[in-house]
């Protein structure tokens, strides 16, 4: 299937000053990149393949040089969560920004901004996971009142607001993890550089939690 209208040469989409403006979402489709709904559908399908064991190493070669990424995933550094594999994506399909507990700092925020504004990805995914040690450390800090030394303090300070109050009856690390994912999604949605694209529905920002035992990503 052609990725651009027969009457319009690909180069004219962006380089011809006399050509009529083309909406970014439409231009992304011409370049073979999906809209936010299709992007999420692709990631879900890839995760189903991964969780069912039908993905294989050769899948990593899908796309190759020249493939335009269509999503950026903000994930945790945990080695048990290989993001591209979890979503069954080959080289070049997604951008990945990782930090402990998917904490947002200037570098991660700048990376997301670059993916959205320069690479024109159509989906931002915040991917947390169960048994997250960064979330557990923040939970312990809240419960005991003791903060770790060094740069880890920044991580704890960023995650701690999502923790339930000490002694809460419905306390669980799973609920804390979900809360932290929701807060991260909300922070990204409020970023000034995403507002225009969100309003135009050119992109979406969603959250998910990866289940280590099953390999499934549960979208929140």
C-alpha atoms as a PDB file:
ATOM      1  CA  UNK A   1       0.000   0.000   0.000  1.00  0.00           C
ATOM      2  CA  UNK A   2       1.375   3.426  -0.919  1.00  0.00           C
ATOM      3  CA  UNK A   3       2.357   5.583   2.029  1.00  0.00           C
ATOM      4  CA  UNK A   4       1.446   8.858   0.285  1.00  0.00           C
ATOM      5  CA  UNK A   5      -1.198  10.053  -2.174  1.00  0.00           C
ATOM      6  CA  UNK A   6      -0.368   9.148  -5.779  1.00  0.00           C
ATOM      7  CA  UNK A   7      -0.477  12.812  -6.822  1.00  0.00           C
ATOM      8  CA  UNK A   8       1.966  14.008  -4.138  1.00  0.00           C
ATOM      9  CA  UNK A   9       5.652  13.187  -4.147  1.00  0.00           C
ATOM     10  CA  UNK A  10       7.008  12.360  -0.667  1.00  0.00           C
ATOM     11  CA  UNK A  11       9.562  15.177  -0.765  1.00  0.00           C
ATOM     12  CA  UNK A  12       6.836  17.752  -1.409  1.00  0.00           C
ATOM     13  CA  UNK A  13       5.135  16.932   1.874  1.00  0.00           C
ATOM     14  CA  UNK A  14       7.698  18.988   3.776  1.00  0.00           C
ATOM     15  CA  UNK A  15      10.089  20.697   1.342  1.00  0.00           C
ATOM     16  CA  UNK A  16       7.810  22.504  -1.112  1.00  0.00           C
ATOM     17  CA  UNK A  17       6.859  25.958   0.292  1.00  0.00           C
ATOM     18  CA  UNK A  18       4.074  26.313  -2.294  1.00  0.00           C
ATOM     19  CA  UNK A  19       2.356  23.071  -1.316  1.00  0.00           C
ATOM     20  CA  UNK A  20      -0.763  23.232   0.837  1.00  0.00           C
ATOM     21  CA  UNK A  21      -0.060  22.541   4.520  1.00  0.00           C
ATOM     22  CA  UNK A  22      -0.598  18.926   5.522  1.00  0.00           C
ATOM     23  CA  UNK A  23      -1.696  18.093   9.095  1.00  0.00           C
ATOM     24  CA  UNK A  24       1.060  16.394  11.089  1.00  0.00           C
ATOM     25  CA  UNK A  25      -1.122  13.372  11.819  1.00  0.00           C
ATOM     26  CA  UNK A  26      -1.769  12.905   8.088  1.00  0.00           C
ATOM     27  CA  UNK A  27       1.892  13.396   7.267  1.00  0.00           C
ATOM     28  CA  UNK A  28       2.827  10.755   9.847  1.00  0.00           C
ATOM     29  CA  UNK A  29       0.539   8.290   8.079  1.00  0.00           C
ATOM     30  CA  UNK A  30       2.246   9.067   4.772  1.00  0.00           C
ATOM     31  CA  UNK A  31       5.556   8.162   6.388  1.00  0.00           C
ATOM     32  CA  UNK A  32       4.175   4.832   7.547  1.00  0.00           C
ATOM     33  CA  UNK A  33       3.706   5.815  11.173  1.00  0.00           C
ATOM     34  CA  UNK A  34       0.395   4.996  12.861  1.00  0.00           C
ATOM     35  CA  UNK A  35      -1.930   7.321  14.728  1.00  0.00           C
ATOM     36  CA  UNK A  36      -2.087   6.946  18.558  1.00  0.00           C
ATOM     37  CA  UNK A  37      -4.809   4.281  18.489  1.00  0.00           C
ATOM     38  CA  UNK A  38      -3.021   2.121  15.933  1.00  0.00           C
ATOM     39  CA  UNK A  39       0.304   2.645  17.715  1.00  0.00           C
ATOM     40  CA  UNK A  40      -1.149   1.269  20.947  1.00  0.00           C
ATOM     41  CA  UNK A  41      -2.741  -1.599  19.028  1.00  0.00           C
ATOM     42  CA  UNK A  42       0.658  -2.540  17.607  1.00  0.00           C
ATOM     43  CA  UNK A  43       2.267  -2.511  21.050  1.00  0.00           C
ATOM     44  CA  UNK A  44      -0.543  -4.607  22.520  1.00  0.00           C
ATOM     45  CA  UNK A  45      -0.235  -7.152  19.702  1.00  0.00           C
ATOM     46  CA  UNK A  46       3.521  -7.297  20.176  1.00  0.00           C
ATOM     47  CA  UNK A  47       3.099  -7.937  23.885  1.00  0.00           C
ATOM     48  CA  UNK A  48       0.662 -10.759  23.182  1.00  0.00           C
ATOM     49  CA  UNK A  49       3.300 -12.372  20.956  1.00  0.00           C
ATOM     50  CA  UNK A  50       5.948 -11.923  23.641  1.00  0.00           C
ATOM     51  CA  UNK A  51       3.805 -13.267  26.487  1.00  0.00           C
ATOM     52  CA  UNK A  52       2.707 -16.268  24.414  1.00  0.00           C
ATOM     53  CA  UNK A  53       6.278 -17.095  23.439  1.00  0.00           C
ATOM     54  CA  UNK A  54       5.697 -16.614  19.713  1.00  0.00           C
ATOM     55  CA  UNK A  55       8.240 -13.794  19.381  1.00  0.00           C
ATOM     56  CA  UNK A  56      11.700 -14.926  18.293  1.00  0.00           C
ATOM     57  CA  UNK A  57      15.143 -13.276  17.972  1.00  0.00           C
ATOM     58  CA  UNK A  58      14.649 -12.646  14.275  1.00  0.00           C
ATOM     59  CA  UNK A  59      11.803 -10.258  15.100  1.00  0.00           C
ATOM     60  CA  UNK A  60      14.445  -7.778  16.240  1.00  0.00           C
ATOM     61  CA  UNK A  61      15.486  -7.351  12.616  1.00  0.00           C
ATOM     62  CA  UNK A  62      12.012  -6.166  11.616  1.00  0.00           C
ATOM     63  CA  UNK A  63      12.145  -2.770   9.981  1.00  0.00           C
ATOM     64  CA  UNK A  64      15.883  -2.208   9.826  1.00  0.00           C
ATOM     65  CA  UNK A  65      17.528   1.005   8.687  1.00  0.00           C
ATOM     66  CA  UNK A  66      15.188   3.843   7.822  1.00  0.00           C
ATOM     67  CA  UNK A  67      12.166   2.750   9.865  1.00  0.00           C
ATOM     68  CA  UNK A  68      10.631   5.716  11.642  1.00  0.00           C
ATOM     69  CA  UNK A  69       9.807   5.156  15.351  1.00  0.00           C
ATOM     70  CA  UNK A  70       6.150   5.581  16.199  1.00  0.00           C
ATOM     71  CA  UNK A  71       6.201   5.462  20.025  1.00  0.00           C
ATOM     72  CA  UNK A  72       8.406   6.372  22.965  1.00  0.00           C
ATOM     73  CA  UNK A  73       8.320   4.274  26.130  1.00  0.00           C
ATOM     74  CA  UNK A  74       9.404   5.678  29.489  1.00  0.00           C
ATOM     75  CA  UNK A  75      10.402   2.622  31.494  1.00  0.00           C
ATOM     76  CA  UNK A  76      12.365   1.383  34.485  1.00  0.00           C
ATOM     77  CA  UNK A  77      16.020   0.334  34.375  1.00  0.00           C
ATOM     78  CA  UNK A  78      15.123  -3.088  35.822  1.00  0.00           C
ATOM     79  CA  UNK A  79      16.913  -5.707  33.722  1.00  0.00           C
ATOM     80  CA  UNK A  80      13.874  -7.971  33.959  1.00  0.00           C
ATOM     81  CA  UNK A  81      11.909  -5.574  31.744  1.00  0.00           C
ATOM     82  CA  UNK A  82      13.539  -5.453  28.271  1.00  0.00           C
ATOM     83  CA  UNK A  83      11.165  -2.921  26.761  1.00  0.00           C
ATOM     84  CA  UNK A  84      11.560  -3.662  23.034  1.00  0.00           C
ATOM     85  CA  UNK A  85      11.186  -7.398  23.657  1.00  0.00           C
ATOM     86  CA  UNK A  86       8.220  -6.953  26.005  1.00  0.00           C
ATOM     87  CA  UNK A  87       6.355  -5.119  23.237  1.00  0.00           C
ATOM     88  CA  UNK A  88       7.601  -7.441  20.496  1.00  0.00           C
ATOM     89  CA  UNK A  89       9.153  -4.589  18.539  1.00  0.00           C
ATOM     90  CA  UNK A  90      12.065  -4.708  16.134  1.00  0.00           C
ATOM     91  CA  UNK A  91      14.926  -2.266  15.695  1.00  0.00           C
ATOM     92  CA  UNK A  92      13.807   1.277  14.946  1.00  0.00           C
ATOM     93  CA  UNK A  93      10.134   0.904  15.925  1.00  0.00           C
ATOM     94  CA  UNK A  94      10.179   2.536  19.367  1.00  0.00           C
ATOM     95  CA  UNK A  95      12.313   4.912  21.382  1.00  0.00           C
ATOM     96  CA  UNK A  96      13.045   3.990  25.006  1.00  0.00           C
ATOM     97  CA  UNK A  97      13.950   6.292  27.901  1.00  0.00           C
ATOM     98  CA  UNK A  98      14.752   4.476  31.149  1.00  0.00           C
ATOM     99  CA  UNK A  99      15.364   5.494  34.754  1.00  0.00           C
ATOM    100  CA  UNK A 100      14.898   3.732  38.078  1.00  0.00           C
ATOM    101  CA  UNK A 101      11.174   3.631  38.771  1.00  0.00           C
ATOM    102  CA  UNK A 102      10.571   5.488  35.456  1.00  0.00           C
ATOM    103  CA  UNK A 103      11.296   8.707  37.361  1.00  0.00           C
ATOM    104  CA  UNK A 104      11.085  11.861  35.261  1.00  0.00           C
ATOM    105  CA  UNK A 105      14.069  14.201  35.298  1.00  0.00           C
ATOM    106  CA  UNK A 106      15.204  16.813  32.775  1.00  0.00           C
ATOM    107  CA  UNK A 107      17.040  14.247  30.659  1.00  0.00           C
ATOM    108  CA  UNK A 108      14.040  11.914  30.439  1.00  0.00           C
ATOM    109  CA  UNK A 109      11.614  14.782  29.814  1.00  0.00           C
ATOM    110  CA  UNK A 110      13.925  16.165  27.144  1.00  0.00           C
ATOM    111  CA  UNK A 111      14.151  12.737  25.523  1.00  0.00           C
ATOM    112  CA  UNK A 112      10.355  12.460  25.366  1.00  0.00           C
ATOM    113  CA  UNK A 113      10.146  15.978  23.955  1.00  0.00           C
ATOM    114  CA  UNK A 114      12.702  15.084  21.273  1.00  0.00           C
ATOM    115  CA  UNK A 115      10.800  11.927  20.331  1.00  0.00           C
ATOM    116  CA  UNK A 116       7.510  13.812  20.043  1.00  0.00           C
ATOM    117  CA  UNK A 117       8.653  17.039  18.380  1.00  0.00           C
ATOM    118  CA  UNK A 118      11.605  15.913  16.249  1.00  0.00           C
ATOM    119  CA  UNK A 119      10.809  12.266  15.529  1.00  0.00           C
ATOM    120  CA  UNK A 120       7.034  12.797  15.428  1.00  0.00           C
ATOM    121  CA  UNK A 121       6.122   9.694  17.430  1.00  0.00           C
ATOM    122  CA  UNK A 122       2.397   9.366  18.026  1.00  0.00           C
ATOM    123  CA  UNK A 123       2.344   7.595  21.394  1.00  0.00           C
ATOM    124  CA  UNK A 124       4.023   8.020  24.787  1.00  0.00           C
ATOM    125  CA  UNK A 125       3.850   5.027  27.138  1.00  0.00           C
ATOM    126  CA  UNK A 126       4.820   5.026  30.818  1.00  0.00           C
ATOM    127  CA  UNK A 127       5.704   1.418  31.663  1.00  0.00           C
ATOM    128  CA  UNK A 128       5.973   0.398  35.298  1.00  0.00           C
ATOM    129  CA  UNK A 129       6.232  -3.149  36.596  1.00  0.00           C
ATOM    130  CA  UNK A 130       5.455  -5.221  39.668  1.00  0.00           C
ATOM    131  CA  UNK A 131       8.184  -5.868  42.257  1.00  0.00           C
ATOM    132  CA  UNK A 132       9.774  -2.516  41.422  1.00  0.00           C
ATOM    133  CA  UNK A 133      12.626  -2.006  43.851  1.00  0.00           C
ATOM    134  CA  UNK A 134      12.637   1.757  43.412  1.00  0.00           C
ATOM    135  CA  UNK A 135       8.964   1.898  44.428  1.00  0.00           C
ATOM    136  CA  UNK A 136       9.678  -0.444  47.334  1.00  0.00           C
ATOM    137  CA  UNK A 137      12.521   1.814  48.498  1.00  0.00           C
ATOM    138  CA  UNK A 138      10.246   4.858  48.370  1.00  0.00           C
ATOM    139  CA  UNK A 139       7.584   2.964  50.278  1.00  0.00           C
ATOM    140  CA  UNK A 140      10.090   2.043  52.987  1.00  0.00           C
ATOM    141  CA  UNK A 141      11.292   5.637  53.203  1.00  0.00           C
ATOM    142  CA  UNK A 142       7.741   6.869  53.719  1.00  0.00           C
ATOM    143  CA  UNK A 143       6.986   4.232  56.343  1.00  0.00           C
ATOM    144  CA  UNK A 144      10.212   4.653  58.323  1.00  0.00           C
ATOM    145  CA  UNK A 145      10.973   8.301  57.708  1.00  0.00           C
ATOM    146  CA  UNK A 146      14.535   7.395  56.697  1.00  0.00           C
ATOM    147  CA  UNK A 147      15.810   8.641  53.348  1.00  0.00           C
ATOM    148  CA  UNK A 148      18.788   7.059  51.593  1.00  0.00           C
ATOM    149  CA  UNK A 149      21.994   8.996  51.098  1.00  0.00           C
ATOM    150  CA  UNK A 150      23.362  10.188  47.776  1.00  0.00           C
ATOM    151  CA  UNK A 151      21.606  10.750  44.480  1.00  0.00           C
ATOM    152  CA  UNK A 152      19.027   8.086  45.317  1.00  0.00           C
ATOM    153  CA  UNK A 153      17.304  10.744  47.405  1.00  0.00           C
ATOM    154  CA  UNK A 154      16.065  12.329  44.173  1.00  0.00           C
ATOM    155  CA  UNK A 155      14.458   9.057  43.093  1.00  0.00           C
ATOM    156  CA  UNK A 156      12.775   8.597  46.460  1.00  0.00           C
ATOM    157  CA  UNK A 157      11.516  12.184  46.509  1.00  0.00           C
ATOM    158  CA  UNK A 158       9.957  11.764  43.070  1.00  0.00           C
ATOM    159  CA  UNK A 159       8.228   8.469  43.876  1.00  0.00           C
ATOM    160  CA  UNK A 160       7.223   9.132  47.493  1.00  0.00           C
ATOM    161  CA  UNK A 161       4.140  11.295  46.714  1.00  0.00           C
ATOM    162  CA  UNK A 162       2.515   8.227  45.137  1.00  0.00           C
ATOM    163  CA  UNK A 163       2.959   6.167  48.304  1.00  0.00           C
ATOM    164  CA  UNK A 164      -0.009   5.605  50.630  1.00  0.00           C
ATOM    165  CA  UNK A 165       0.232   7.197  54.025  1.00  0.00           C
ATOM    166  CA  UNK A 166       1.936   5.113  56.700  1.00  0.00           C
ATOM    167  CA  UNK A 167      -0.464   2.673  58.300  1.00  0.00           C
ATOM    168  CA  UNK A 168      -3.017   2.896  55.487  1.00  0.00           C
ATOM    169  CA  UNK A 169      -5.442  -0.035  55.648  1.00  0.00           C
ATOM    170  CA  UNK A 170      -5.385  -0.705  51.905  1.00  0.00           C
ATOM    171  CA  UNK A 171      -1.635  -0.393  51.539  1.00  0.00           C
ATOM    172  CA  UNK A 172       0.086  -2.526  48.899  1.00  0.00           C
ATOM    173  CA  UNK A 173       3.073  -2.119  46.621  1.00  0.00           C
ATOM    174  CA  UNK A 174       0.872  -2.877  43.633  1.00  0.00           C
ATOM    175  CA  UNK A 175      -1.401   0.061  44.451  1.00  0.00           C
ATOM    176  CA  UNK A 176       1.624   2.251  45.074  1.00  0.00           C
ATOM    177  CA  UNK A 177       3.088   1.247  41.707  1.00  0.00           C
ATOM    178  CA  UNK A 178      -0.172   1.988  39.917  1.00  0.00           C
ATOM    179  CA  UNK A 179      -0.416   5.351  41.644  1.00  0.00           C
ATOM    180  CA  UNK A 180       3.139   6.227  40.617  1.00  0.00           C
ATOM    181  CA  UNK A 181       2.411   5.295  36.989  1.00  0.00           C
ATOM    182  CA  UNK A 182      -0.723   7.461  36.981  1.00  0.00           C
ATOM    183  CA  UNK A 183       1.227  10.384  38.444  1.00  0.00           C
ATOM    184  CA  UNK A 184       3.944  10.035  35.825  1.00  0.00           C
ATOM    185  CA  UNK A 185       1.360   9.982  33.023  1.00  0.00           C
ATOM    186  CA  UNK A 186      -0.321  13.085  34.492  1.00  0.00           C
ATOM    187  CA  UNK A 187       3.012  14.925  34.707  1.00  0.00           C
ATOM    188  CA  UNK A 188       3.771  14.199  31.051  1.00  0.00           C
ATOM    189  CA  UNK A 189       0.279  15.254  29.999  1.00  0.00           C
ATOM    190  CA  UNK A 190       0.854  18.614  31.673  1.00  0.00           C
ATOM    191  CA  UNK A 191       4.182  19.222  29.915  1.00  0.00           C
ATOM    192  CA  UNK A 192       3.884  22.351  27.787  1.00  0.00           C
ATOM    193  CA  UNK A 193       5.574  20.774  24.767  1.00  0.00           C
ATOM    194  CA  UNK A 194       2.966  17.995  24.624  1.00  0.00           C
ATOM    195  CA  UNK A 195      -0.169  20.090  25.093  1.00  0.00           C
ATOM    196  CA  UNK A 196      -0.583  21.157  21.463  1.00  0.00           C
ATOM    197  CA  UNK A 197      -0.080  17.633  20.145  1.00  0.00           C
ATOM    198  CA  UNK A 198      -2.455  16.215  22.777  1.00  0.00           C
ATOM    199  CA  UNK A 199      -5.106  18.816  21.967  1.00  0.00           C
ATOM    200  CA  UNK A 200      -4.792  18.010  18.266  1.00  0.00           C
ATOM    201  CA  UNK A 201      -4.969  14.297  19.124  1.00  0.00           C
ATOM    202  CA  UNK A 202      -1.752  13.734  17.220  1.00  0.00           C
ATOM    203  CA  UNK A 203      -0.355  11.892  20.233  1.00  0.00           C
ATOM    204  CA  UNK A 204      -1.606  10.177  23.358  1.00  0.00           C
ATOM    205  CA  UNK A 205       0.046   9.468  26.717  1.00  0.00           C
ATOM    206  CA  UNK A 206      -0.884   6.199  28.438  1.00  0.00           C
ATOM    207  CA  UNK A 207       0.367   4.030  31.279  1.00  0.00           C
ATOM    208  CA  UNK A 208       0.849   0.310  31.737  1.00  0.00           C
ATOM    209  CA  UNK A 209       2.216  -2.149  34.271  1.00  0.00           C
ATOM    210  CA  UNK A 210       4.318  -5.135  33.220  1.00  0.00           C
ATOM    211  CA  UNK A 211       3.661  -8.396  35.047  1.00  0.00           C
ATOM    212  CA  UNK A 212       6.960 -10.225  35.520  1.00  0.00           C
ATOM    213  CA  UNK A 213       5.458 -13.681  35.952  1.00  0.00           C
ATOM    214  CA  UNK A 214       3.118 -13.693  32.957  1.00  0.00           C
ATOM    215  CA  UNK A 215       4.920 -11.294  30.613  1.00  0.00           C
ATOM    216  CA  UNK A 216       1.676  -9.377  30.036  1.00  0.00           C
ATOM    217  CA  UNK A 217       1.426  -5.584  30.027  1.00  0.00           C
ATOM    218  CA  UNK A 218      -1.744  -4.395  31.724  1.00  0.00           C
ATOM    219  CA  UNK A 219      -2.767  -0.999  30.338  1.00  0.00           C
ATOM    220  CA  UNK A 220      -4.059   1.379  33.012  1.00  0.00           C
END
